[in-house]
C-alpha atoms as a PDB file:
ATOM      1  CA  UNK A   1      12.734  -4.529  -3.856  1.00  0.00           C
ATOM      2  CA  UNK A   2      13.440  -3.608  -0.255  1.00  0.00           C
ATOM      3  CA  UNK A   3      11.253  -6.131   1.519  1.00  0.00           C
ATOM      4  CA  UNK A   4      12.227  -4.999   5.028  1.00  0.00           C
ATOM      5  CA  UNK A   5      11.278  -1.398   4.278  1.00  0.00           C
ATOM      6  CA  UNK A   6       7.960  -2.525   2.792  1.00  0.00           C
ATOM      7  CA  UNK A   7       7.245  -4.669   5.834  1.00  0.00           C
ATOM      8  CA  UNK A   8       8.054  -1.786   8.190  1.00  0.00           C
ATOM      9  CA  UNK A   9       5.936   0.599   6.128  1.00  0.00           C
ATOM     10  CA  UNK A  10       2.907  -1.712   6.257  1.00  0.00           C
ATOM     11  CA  UNK A  11       3.132  -3.026   9.814  1.00  0.00           C
ATOM     12  CA  UNK A  12      -0.140  -3.864  11.600  1.00  0.00           C
ATOM     13  CA  UNK A  13       0.158  -1.193  14.294  1.00  0.00           C
ATOM     14  CA  UNK A  14      -1.818   2.021  14.355  1.00  0.00           C
ATOM     15  CA  UNK A  15       1.394   4.096  14.404  1.00  0.00           C
ATOM     16  CA  UNK A  16       1.938   6.178  11.260  1.00  0.00           C
ATOM     17  CA  UNK A  17       4.510   5.113   8.692  1.00  0.00           C
ATOM     18  CA  UNK A  18       7.729   7.171   8.897  1.00  0.00           C
ATOM     19  CA  UNK A  19       8.018   9.468   5.895  1.00  0.00           C
ATOM     20  CA  UNK A  20      11.577   8.486   5.026  1.00  0.00           C
ATOM     21  CA  UNK A  21      10.387   4.949   4.201  1.00  0.00           C
ATOM     22  CA  UNK A  22       8.374   6.261   1.235  1.00  0.00           C
ATOM     23  CA  UNK A  23      11.553   7.803  -0.199  1.00  0.00           C
ATOM     24  CA  UNK A  24      13.597   4.649   0.451  1.00  0.00           C
ATOM     25  CA  UNK A  25      11.003   2.444  -1.230  1.00  0.00           C
ATOM     26  CA  UNK A  26      10.698   4.818  -4.198  1.00  0.00           C
ATOM     27  CA  UNK A  27      14.460   4.929  -4.677  1.00  0.00           C
ATOM     28  CA  UNK A  28      14.614   1.126  -4.711  1.00  0.00           C
ATOM     29  CA  UNK A  29      12.318   1.005  -7.772  1.00  0.00           C
ATOM     30  CA  UNK A  30      15.053   0.985 -10.386  1.00  0.00           C
ATOM     31  CA  UNK A  31      13.525  -1.315 -12.998  1.00  0.00           C
ATOM     32  CA  UNK A  32      10.084  -2.446 -14.148  1.00  0.00           C
ATOM     33  CA  UNK A  33      10.773  -5.880 -12.608  1.00  0.00           C
ATOM     34  CA  UNK A  34      11.271  -4.396  -9.135  1.00  0.00           C
ATOM     35  CA  UNK A  35       8.032  -2.450  -9.598  1.00  0.00           C
ATOM     36  CA  UNK A  36       6.174  -5.673 -10.374  1.00  0.00           C
ATOM     37  CA  UNK A  37       7.721  -7.413  -7.357  1.00  0.00           C
ATOM     38  CA  UNK A  38       6.864  -4.477  -5.094  1.00  0.00           C
ATOM     39  CA  UNK A  39       3.306  -4.374  -6.404  1.00  0.00           C
ATOM     40  CA  UNK A  40       2.909  -8.121  -5.872  1.00  0.00           C
ATOM     41  CA  UNK A  41       4.138  -7.783  -2.287  1.00  0.00           C
ATOM     42  CA  UNK A  42       1.800  -4.868  -1.574  1.00  0.00           C
ATOM     43  CA  UNK A  43      -1.173  -6.706  -3.095  1.00  0.00           C
ATOM     44  CA  UNK A  44      -0.423  -9.663  -0.837  1.00  0.00           C
ATOM     45  CA  UNK A  45      -0.384  -7.356   2.179  1.00  0.00           C
ATOM     46  CA  UNK A  46      -3.551  -5.635   0.941  1.00  0.00           C
ATOM     47  CA  UNK A  47      -5.401  -8.941   1.060  1.00  0.00           C
ATOM     48  CA  UNK A  48      -4.947  -9.104   4.858  1.00  0.00           C
ATOM     49  CA  UNK A  49      -8.008  -8.327   6.969  1.00  0.00           C
ATOM     50  CA  UNK A  50      -6.331  -5.708   9.180  1.00  0.00           C
ATOM     51  CA  UNK A  51      -7.499  -2.124   8.474  1.00  0.00           C
ATOM     52  CA  UNK A  52      -4.115  -0.663   9.487  1.00  0.00           C
ATOM     53  CA  UNK A  53      -2.295  -2.820   6.936  1.00  0.00           C
ATOM     54  CA  UNK A  54      -4.833  -2.011   4.218  1.00  0.00           C
ATOM     55  CA  UNK A  55      -4.599   1.731   4.849  1.00  0.00           C
ATOM     56  CA  UNK A  56      -0.815   1.696   4.881  1.00  0.00           C
ATOM     57  CA  UNK A  57      -0.575  -0.409   1.703  1.00  0.00           C
ATOM     58  CA  UNK A  58      -2.817   1.987  -0.152  1.00  0.00           C
ATOM     59  CA  UNK A  59      -0.861   4.963   1.122  1.00  0.00           C
ATOM     60  CA  UNK A  60       2.462   3.393   0.115  1.00  0.00           C
ATOM     61  CA  UNK A  61       1.057   2.713  -3.359  1.00  0.00           C
ATOM     62  CA  UNK A  62      -0.123   6.306  -3.673  1.00  0.00           C
ATOM     63  CA  UNK A  63       3.147   7.820  -2.434  1.00  0.00           C
ATOM     64  CA  UNK A  64       5.503   5.719  -4.539  1.00  0.00           C
ATOM     65  CA  UNK A  65       3.351   6.101  -7.649  1.00  0.00           C
ATOM     66  CA  UNK A  66       3.540   9.882  -7.328  1.00  0.00           C
ATOM     67  CA  UNK A  67       7.252   9.990  -6.443  1.00  0.00           C
ATOM     68  CA  UNK A  68       9.505  11.405  -9.145  1.00  0.00           C
ATOM     69  CA  UNK A  69      12.228   8.761  -8.835  1.00  0.00           C
ATOM     70  CA  UNK A  70       9.920   5.952  -9.984  1.00  0.00           C
ATOM     71  CA  UNK A  71       9.490   7.818 -13.308  1.00  0.00           C
ATOM     72  CA  UNK A  72       5.947   6.528 -13.718  1.00  0.00           C
ATOM     73  CA  UNK A  73       6.977   2.861 -13.693  1.00  0.00           C
ATOM     74  CA  UNK A  74       4.805   2.041 -10.685  1.00  0.00           C
ATOM     75  CA  UNK A  75       1.784   3.766 -12.227  1.00  0.00           C
ATOM     76  CA  UNK A  76       2.187   1.646 -15.354  1.00  0.00           C
ATOM     77  CA  UNK A  77       2.509  -1.543 -13.291  1.00  0.00           C
ATOM     78  CA  UNK A  78      -0.704  -0.760 -11.405  1.00  0.00           C
ATOM     79  CA  UNK A  79      -2.642   0.124 -14.553  1.00  0.00           C
ATOM     80  CA  UNK A  80      -1.443  -2.972 -16.417  1.00  0.00           C
ATOM     81  CA  UNK A  81      -2.311  -5.343 -13.560  1.00  0.00           C
ATOM     82  CA  UNK A  82      -6.057  -6.082 -13.365  1.00  0.00           C
ATOM     83  CA  UNK A  83      -5.617  -7.726  -9.940  1.00  0.00           C
ATOM     84  CA  UNK A  84      -4.237  -4.464  -8.571  1.00  0.00           C
ATOM     85  CA  UNK A  85      -7.160  -2.462  -9.886  1.00  0.00           C
ATOM     86  CA  UNK A  86      -9.710  -4.885  -8.444  1.00  0.00           C
ATOM     87  CA  UNK A  87      -7.919  -4.963  -5.064  1.00  0.00           C
ATOM     88  CA  UNK A  88      -7.954  -1.166  -4.882  1.00  0.00           C
ATOM     89  CA  UNK A  89     -11.644  -1.080  -5.826  1.00  0.00           C
ATOM     90  CA  UNK A  90     -12.402  -3.666  -3.128  1.00  0.00           C
ATOM     91  CA  UNK A  91     -10.677  -1.433  -0.578  1.00  0.00           C
ATOM     92  CA  UNK A  92     -13.082   1.372  -1.489  1.00  0.00           C
ATOM     93  CA  UNK A  93     -15.921  -0.710  -0.080  1.00  0.00           C
ATOM     94  CA  UNK A  94     -14.026  -2.274   2.829  1.00  0.00           C
ATOM     95  CA  UNK A  95     -16.203  -3.154   5.819  1.00  0.00           C
ATOM     96  CA  UNK A  96     -14.167  -4.683   8.614  1.00  0.00           C
ATOM     97  CA  UNK A  97     -15.031  -5.471  12.176  1.00  0.00           C
ATOM     98  CA  UNK A  98     -15.600  -2.502  14.439  1.00  0.00           C
ATOM     99  CA  UNK A  99     -13.139  -1.681  17.176  1.00  0.00           C
ATOM    100  CA  UNK A 100     -14.457  -1.483  20.735  1.00  0.00           C
ATOM    101  CA  UNK A 101     -12.894   1.931  21.347  1.00  0.00           C
ATOM    102  CA  UNK A 102     -12.844   3.693  17.991  1.00  0.00           C
ATOM    103  CA  UNK A 103     -15.798   2.030  16.313  1.00  0.00           C
ATOM    104  CA  UNK A 104     -15.728   2.193  12.510  1.00  0.00           C
ATOM    105  CA  UNK A 105     -13.030   4.893  12.275  1.00  0.00           C
ATOM    106  CA  UNK A 106     -10.243   2.613  10.981  1.00  0.00           C
ATOM    107  CA  UNK A 107     -12.526   1.107   8.334  1.00  0.00           C
ATOM    108  CA  UNK A 108     -13.554   4.578   7.166  1.00  0.00           C
ATOM    109  CA  UNK A 109      -9.864   5.543   6.865  1.00  0.00           C
ATOM    110  CA  UNK A 110      -9.302   2.580   4.545  1.00  0.00           C
ATOM    111  CA  UNK A 111     -12.241   3.597   2.349  1.00  0.00           C
ATOM    112  CA  UNK A 112     -10.976   7.169   2.085  1.00  0.00           C
END
């Protein structure tokens, strides 16, 4: 598990995650154990109350689950972990505090 890449990919800023990080994270998933560790880290980040972190965690999960180098290991880890499924379902109904400038836009992006 590349913890520094995961931290950079899910930072709390509104800047988009660089695309090469998705490839680097996917290539680091070489065994089912690293998939479980990565999923545990992302679920911990997903529990934060920042909409930018939530959106980026969900996007990282989606990208690395669909990446060919993970060979479906990440999909299996997510499906076999009931905490992951409930955390993703909670994100579908996420209602955070509204921003003074953008309003509810960031919260809507998490729900999408």
